[in-house]
C-alpha atoms as a PDB file:
ATOM      1  CA  MET A   1     -52.271 -11.435  54.225  1.00  0.00           C
ATOM      2  CA  LYS A   2     -54.407 -12.626  56.958  1.00  0.00           C
ATOM      3  CA  LEU A   3     -54.649 -16.075  57.823  1.00  0.00           C
ATOM      4  CA  SER A   4     -57.732 -17.849  59.794  1.00  0.00           C
ATOM      5  CA  ASN A   5     -56.492 -18.738  63.049  1.00  0.00           C
ATOM      6  CA  GLN A   6     -57.396 -22.894  61.870  1.00  0.00           C
ATOM      7  CA  ASN A   7     -54.972 -21.591  59.567  1.00  0.00           C
ATOM      8  CA  TYR A   8     -52.258 -19.928  61.466  1.00  0.00           C
ATOM      9  CA  ASP A   9     -52.395 -22.347  63.846  1.00  0.00           C
ATOM     10  CA  ALA A  10     -51.518 -25.615  61.403  1.00  0.00           C
ATOM     11  CA  LEU A  11     -49.053 -23.743  60.123  1.00  0.00           C
ATOM     12  CA  LYS A  12     -47.293 -23.135  63.186  1.00  0.00           C
ATOM     13  CA  TRP A  13     -47.336 -26.582  64.620  1.00  0.00           C
ATOM     14  CA  ILE A  14     -46.177 -27.779  60.934  1.00  0.00           C
ATOM     15  CA  VAL A  15     -43.210 -24.871  61.312  1.00  0.00           C
ATOM     16  CA  GLN A  16     -42.361 -25.403  65.203  1.00  0.00           C
ATOM     17  CA  VAL A  17     -43.025 -29.364  65.390  1.00  0.00           C
ATOM     18  CA  VAL A  18     -42.836 -30.855  61.939  1.00  0.00           C
ATOM     19  CA  MET A  19     -40.529 -29.216  59.784  1.00  0.00           C
ATOM     20  CA  PRO A  20     -37.379 -29.459  62.345  1.00  0.00           C
ATOM     21  CA  ALA A  21     -38.440 -33.036  63.667  1.00  0.00           C
ATOM     22  CA  LEU A  22     -38.587 -33.878  59.971  1.00  0.00           C
ATOM     23  CA  ILE A  23     -35.290 -32.126  59.424  1.00  0.00           C
ATOM     24  CA  VAL A  24     -33.721 -33.988  62.362  1.00  0.00           C
ATOM     25  CA  ALA A  25     -35.061 -37.171  61.577  1.00  0.00           C
ATOM     26  CA  ILE A  26     -33.006 -36.937  57.343  1.00  0.00           C
ATOM     27  CA  GLY A  27     -30.099 -36.132  59.204  1.00  0.00           C
ATOM     28  CA  THR A  28     -30.404 -38.773  61.447  1.00  0.00           C
ATOM     29  CA  ILE A  29     -31.533 -41.897  59.117  1.00  0.00           C
ATOM     30  CA  GLY A  30     -29.396 -40.116  56.357  1.00  0.00           C
ATOM     31  CA  GLY A  31     -26.088 -40.366  58.295  1.00  0.00           C
ATOM     32  CA  ALA A  32     -26.724 -43.626  59.136  1.00  0.00           C
ATOM     33  CA  VAL A  33     -27.340 -45.104  55.844  1.00  0.00           C
ATOM     34  CA  ALA A  34     -25.243 -42.986  54.128  1.00  0.00           C
ATOM     35  CA  TRP A  35     -28.014 -40.679  51.689  1.00  0.00           C
ATOM     36  CA  GLU A  36     -25.935 -38.949  48.896  1.00  0.00           C
ATOM     37  CA  HIS A  37     -27.779 -35.691  49.586  1.00  0.00           C
ATOM     38  CA  THR A  38     -28.632 -35.065  53.098  1.00  0.00           C
ATOM     39  CA  GLU A  39     -26.830 -32.099  53.836  1.00  0.00           C
ATOM     40  CA  LEU A  40     -28.345 -30.523  51.024  1.00  0.00           C
ATOM     41  CA  THR A  41     -31.511 -31.689  51.391  1.00  0.00           C
ATOM     42  CA  MET A  42     -31.123 -30.587  55.538  1.00  0.00           C
ATOM     43  CA  THR A  43     -30.219 -27.429  54.348  1.00  0.00           C
ATOM     44  CA  VAL A  44     -32.866 -26.543  52.013  1.00  0.00           C
ATOM     45  CA  LEU A  45     -35.448 -27.551  54.666  1.00  0.00           C
ATOM     46  CA  GLY A  46     -34.317 -25.676  57.222  1.00  0.00           C
ATOM     47  CA  ALA A  47     -34.256 -22.347  54.734  1.00  0.00           C
ATOM     48  CA  ILE A  48     -37.960 -23.051  53.697  1.00  0.00           C
ATOM     49  CA  THR A  49     -39.066 -23.870  57.619  1.00  0.00           C
ATOM     50  CA  THR A  50     -36.931 -20.118  58.606  1.00  0.00           C
ATOM     51  CA  PHE A  51     -38.807 -18.493  55.393  1.00  0.00           C
ATOM     52  CA  MET A  52     -42.493 -19.802  56.677  1.00  0.00           C
ATOM     53  CA  GLY A  53     -41.594 -19.134  60.427  1.00  0.00           C
ATOM     54  CA  ALA A  54     -40.326 -15.671  59.638  1.00  0.00           C
ATOM     55  CA  SER A  55     -43.696 -15.221  57.054  1.00  0.00           C
ATOM     56  CA  LEU A  56     -45.792 -16.429  60.085  1.00  0.00           C
ATOM     57  CA  GLY A  57     -43.900 -13.865  62.533  1.00  0.00           C
ATOM     58  CA  LEU A  58     -45.073 -11.229  60.028  1.00  0.00           C
ATOM     59  CA  SER A  59     -48.514 -12.519  59.867  1.00  0.00           C
ATOM     60  CA  SER A  60     -48.884 -12.074  63.449  1.00  0.00           C
ATOM     61  CA  ALA A  61     -47.280  -9.248  64.141  1.00  0.00           C
ATOM     62  CA  GLU A  62     -50.125  -7.671  61.141  1.00  0.00           C
ATOM     63  CA  TYR A  63     -53.032  -9.245  63.404  1.00  0.00           C
ATOM     64  CA  TYR A  64     -51.747  -7.665  66.677  1.00  0.00           C
ATOM     65  CA  LYS A  65     -51.264  -4.213  65.168  1.00  0.00           C
ATOM     66  CA  ASP A  66     -54.582  -4.700  63.298  1.00  0.00           C
ATOM     67  CA  GLU A  67     -56.080  -5.496  66.623  1.00  0.00           C
ATOM     68  CA  ALA A  68     -54.923  -2.585  68.233  1.00  0.00           C
ATOM     69  CA  ASP A  69     -56.093  -0.016  66.340  1.00  0.00           C
ATOM     70  CA  LYS A  70     -59.530  -1.208  66.764  1.00  0.00           C
END
């Protein structure tokens, strides 16, 4: 699947900046106020972030492969 540059940049920012910051915030706040499912939430969000990062990496590799073939 090819993404537009704008979509790719937005998703990359979410995966590299927003999601890790959100996971840390949930872990810190959840630990401080003793939320029941803090660790589970962090694990699920970490897995989603990793999946999204791998998908973006594949998209990037495909883009550069197509550019090299031109």
